[in-house]
C-alpha atoms as a PDB file:
ATOM      1  CA  MET A   1    -149.449-134.022 120.148  1.00  0.00           C
ATOM      2  CA  LEU A   2    -147.908-132.303 123.176  1.00  0.00           C
ATOM      3  CA  LEU A   3    -145.173-130.695 121.045  1.00  0.00           C
ATOM      4  CA  GLU A   4    -147.803-129.192 118.726  1.00  0.00           C
ATOM      5  CA  THR A   5    -149.631-127.828 121.734  1.00  0.00           C
ATOM      6  CA  LEU A   6    -146.386-126.536 123.237  1.00  0.00           C
ATOM      7  CA  ASP A   7    -145.425-124.848 119.961  1.00  0.00           C
ATOM      8  CA  ASP A   8    -148.843-123.195 119.820  1.00  0.00           C
ATOM      9  CA  VAL A   9    -148.476-121.933 123.394  1.00  0.00           C
ATOM     10  CA  LEU A  10    -144.982-120.565 122.713  1.00  0.00           C
ATOM     11  CA  LEU A  11    -146.207-118.767 119.585  1.00  0.00           C
ATOM     12  CA  ARG A  12    -149.117-117.220 121.471  1.00  0.00           C
ATOM     13  CA  ILE A  13    -146.775-116.103 124.257  1.00  0.00           C
ATOM     14  CA  ARG A  14    -144.486-114.382 121.747  1.00  0.00           C
ATOM     15  CA  MET A  15    -147.455-112.769 119.985  1.00  0.00           C
ATOM     16  CA  ALA A  16    -149.376-111.822 123.151  1.00  0.00           C
ATOM     17  CA  ARG A  17    -150.361-108.204 123.348  1.00  0.00           C
ATOM     18  CA  THR A  18    -150.135-108.287 127.124  1.00  0.00           C
ATOM     19  CA  ILE A  19    -148.307-110.453 129.644  1.00  0.00           C
ATOM     20  CA  ARG A  20    -149.376-109.744 133.201  1.00  0.00           C
ATOM     21  CA  LEU A  21    -146.666-110.296 135.826  1.00  0.00           C
ATOM     22  CA  VAL A  22    -147.951-111.284 139.241  1.00  0.00           C
ATOM     23  CA  GLN A  23    -145.978-109.354 141.860  1.00  0.00           C
ATOM     24  CA  THR A  24    -145.037-112.163 144.232  1.00  0.00           C
ATOM     25  CA  GLU A  25    -142.292-111.830 146.831  1.00  0.00           C
ATOM     26  CA  LYS A  26    -139.980-114.142 144.838  1.00  0.00           C
ATOM     27  CA  ASN A  27    -140.573-112.196 141.614  1.00  0.00           C
ATOM     28  CA  ARG A  28    -139.847-108.877 143.364  1.00  0.00           C
ATOM     29  CA  LYS A  29    -136.765-110.313 145.093  1.00  0.00           C
ATOM     30  CA  THR A  30    -135.366-111.511 141.751  1.00  0.00           C
ATOM     31  CA  LYS A  31    -135.898-108.086 140.171  1.00  0.00           C
ATOM     32  CA  TYR A  32    -134.144-106.394 143.076  1.00  0.00           C
ATOM     33  CA  GLN A  33    -131.253-108.891 143.270  1.00  0.00           C
ATOM     34  CA  LEU A  34    -130.511-108.716 139.519  1.00  0.00           C
ATOM     35  CA  GLY A  35    -131.533-105.097 138.928  1.00  0.00           C
ATOM     36  CA  LEU A  36    -134.295-106.073 136.495  1.00  0.00           C
ATOM     37  CA  THR A  37    -137.553-104.393 135.536  1.00  0.00           C
ATOM     38  CA  ASP A  38    -140.950-105.875 134.733  1.00  0.00           C
ATOM     39  CA  GLU A  39    -140.120-105.335 131.066  1.00  0.00           C
ATOM     40  CA  ASP A  40    -136.907-107.391 131.460  1.00  0.00           C
ATOM     41  CA  LEU A  41    -138.941-110.265 132.899  1.00  0.00           C
ATOM     42  CA  LYS A  42    -141.462-110.001 130.054  1.00  0.00           C
ATOM     43  CA  VAL A  43    -138.589-110.266 127.551  1.00  0.00           C
ATOM     44  CA  ILE A  44    -137.507-113.491 129.291  1.00  0.00           C
ATOM     45  CA  VAL A  45    -141.055-114.855 129.063  1.00  0.00           C
ATOM     46  CA  ARG A  46    -141.458-113.879 125.396  1.00  0.00           C
ATOM     47  CA  GLY A  47    -138.116-115.559 124.613  1.00  0.00           C
ATOM     48  CA  LEU A  48    -139.139-118.996 125.864  1.00  0.00           C
ATOM     49  CA  GLN A  49    -138.365-121.895 123.543  1.00  0.00           C
ATOM     50  CA  ARG A  50    -139.294-125.561 123.392  1.00  0.00           C
ATOM     51  CA  CYS A  51    -136.022-126.529 125.123  1.00  0.00           C
ATOM     52  CA  ASP A  52    -137.088-124.415 128.151  1.00  0.00           C
ATOM     53  CA  TYR A  53    -140.209-126.537 128.716  1.00  0.00           C
ATOM     54  CA  HIS A  54    -140.346-128.201 132.145  1.00  0.00           C
ATOM     55  CA  LYS A  55    -143.927-129.447 132.628  1.00  0.00           C
ATOM     56  CA  GLY A  56    -147.568-128.890 131.801  1.00  0.00           C
ATOM     57  CA  PRO A  57    -150.187-128.316 130.853  1.00  0.00           C
ATOM     58  CA  GLU A  58    -151.865-128.787 134.208  1.00  0.00           C
ATOM     59  CA  GLY A  59    -155.108-127.410 135.554  1.00  0.00           C
ATOM     60  CA  ASP A  60    -154.870-124.647 138.125  1.00  0.00           C
ATOM     61  CA  HIS A  61    -155.136-126.012 141.671  1.00  0.00           C
ATOM     62  CA  ASP A  62    -157.893-123.470 142.437  1.00  0.00           C
ATOM     63  CA  GLY A  63    -160.044-124.914 139.637  1.00  0.00           C
ATOM     64  CA  SER A  64    -160.135-121.678 137.635  1.00  0.00           C
ATOM     65  CA  THR A  65    -159.989-121.553 133.838  1.00  0.00           C
ATOM     66  CA  GLY A  66    -156.654-121.829 132.053  1.00  0.00           C
ATOM     67  CA  ASN A  67    -153.766-124.258 132.019  1.00  0.00           C
ATOM     68  CA  ILE A  68    -150.491-123.911 133.914  1.00  0.00           C
ATOM     69  CA  TRP A  69    -147.208-124.341 132.003  1.00  0.00           C
ATOM     70  CA  VAL A  70    -143.785-124.401 133.718  1.00  0.00           C
ATOM     71  CA  PHE A  71    -140.482-123.517 132.083  1.00  0.00           C
ATOM     72  CA  LYS A  72    -136.876-123.222 133.260  1.00  0.00           C
ATOM     73  CA  LYS A  73    -134.554-120.896 131.379  1.00  0.00           C
ATOM     74  CA  ARG A  74    -131.020-119.645 131.947  1.00  0.00           C
ATOM     75  CA  GLU A  75    -130.757-115.841 131.853  1.00  0.00           C
ATOM     76  CA  TYR A  76    -128.470-113.310 133.537  1.00  0.00           C
ATOM     77  CA  GLY A  77    -126.287-116.166 134.817  1.00  0.00           C
ATOM     78  CA  GLU A  78    -129.175-117.713 136.758  1.00  0.00           C
ATOM     79  CA  TRP A  79    -131.776-120.413 136.177  1.00  0.00           C
ATOM     80  CA  PHE A  80    -135.257-118.898 136.118  1.00  0.00           C
ATOM     81  CA  TYR A  81    -138.423-120.726 137.146  1.00  0.00           C
ATOM     82  CA  ILE A  82    -141.283-119.472 134.988  1.00  0.00           C
ATOM     83  CA  LYS A  83    -144.875-120.528 135.628  1.00  0.00           C
ATOM     84  CA  LEU A  84    -147.449-119.217 133.190  1.00  0.00           C
ATOM     85  CA  LYS A  85    -151.209-119.386 133.241  1.00  0.00           C
ATOM     86  CA  TYR A  86    -152.445-119.721 129.702  1.00  0.00           C
ATOM     87  CA  VAL A  87    -155.404-117.312 129.730  1.00  0.00           C
ATOM     88  CA  GLU A  88    -156.049-113.953 128.100  1.00  0.00           C
ATOM     89  CA  PRO A  89    -154.014-111.992 128.990  1.00  0.00           C
ATOM     90  CA  ILE A  90    -151.225-114.479 129.680  1.00  0.00           C
ATOM     91  CA  LYS A  91    -150.394-114.396 133.362  1.00  0.00           C
ATOM     92  CA  ALA A  92    -146.828-114.936 134.617  1.00  0.00           C
ATOM     93  CA  LEU A  93    -147.472-116.359 138.075  1.00  0.00           C
ATOM     94  CA  SER A  94    -143.737-116.927 138.608  1.00  0.00           C
ATOM     95  CA  CYS A  95    -140.705-115.493 136.872  1.00  0.00           C
ATOM     96  CA  HIS A  96    -137.880-115.678 139.372  1.00  0.00           C
ATOM     97  CA  ILE A  97    -134.534-117.253 140.137  1.00  0.00           C
ATOM     98  CA  ASP A  98    -135.125-120.975 140.582  1.00  0.00           C
ATOM     99  CA  ASN A  99    -135.106-122.013 144.250  1.00  0.00           C
ATOM    100  CA  ILE A 100    -134.823-118.423 145.537  1.00  0.00           C
ATOM    101  CA  GLU A 101    -135.805-118.200 149.200  1.00  0.00           C
END
C-alpha cells in the first residue's frame, strides 16, 4: 500500500503547478555553494523517483495539515536532503546538500 501512495505522491509532485521552496539558511547556502537557482532546485524536486524515497509519510510536528515526505537524491555530485510537505501547493521545506552545516 505504501508504494501505491508513494507513486501517487511522486506523480502529483511531477504534475504540480506550483512547488513552493521555503528559503531556509541551508537551502540558500546550497544554492550559493553550487551556483543553483530556485528553478534548479524545483527541477530536482520534480525529478524525484521511488528509489529516492527515504521516509514518510509523517504528520507535521506542528500539527498542521499535510504529510511530510523525505527523499535523498544525488545531484550535482552531492547528496540532497529533500523534505516535502504534501499540501497544495507542494511545499519544499528542505532541498539542500545532506548534512550541510
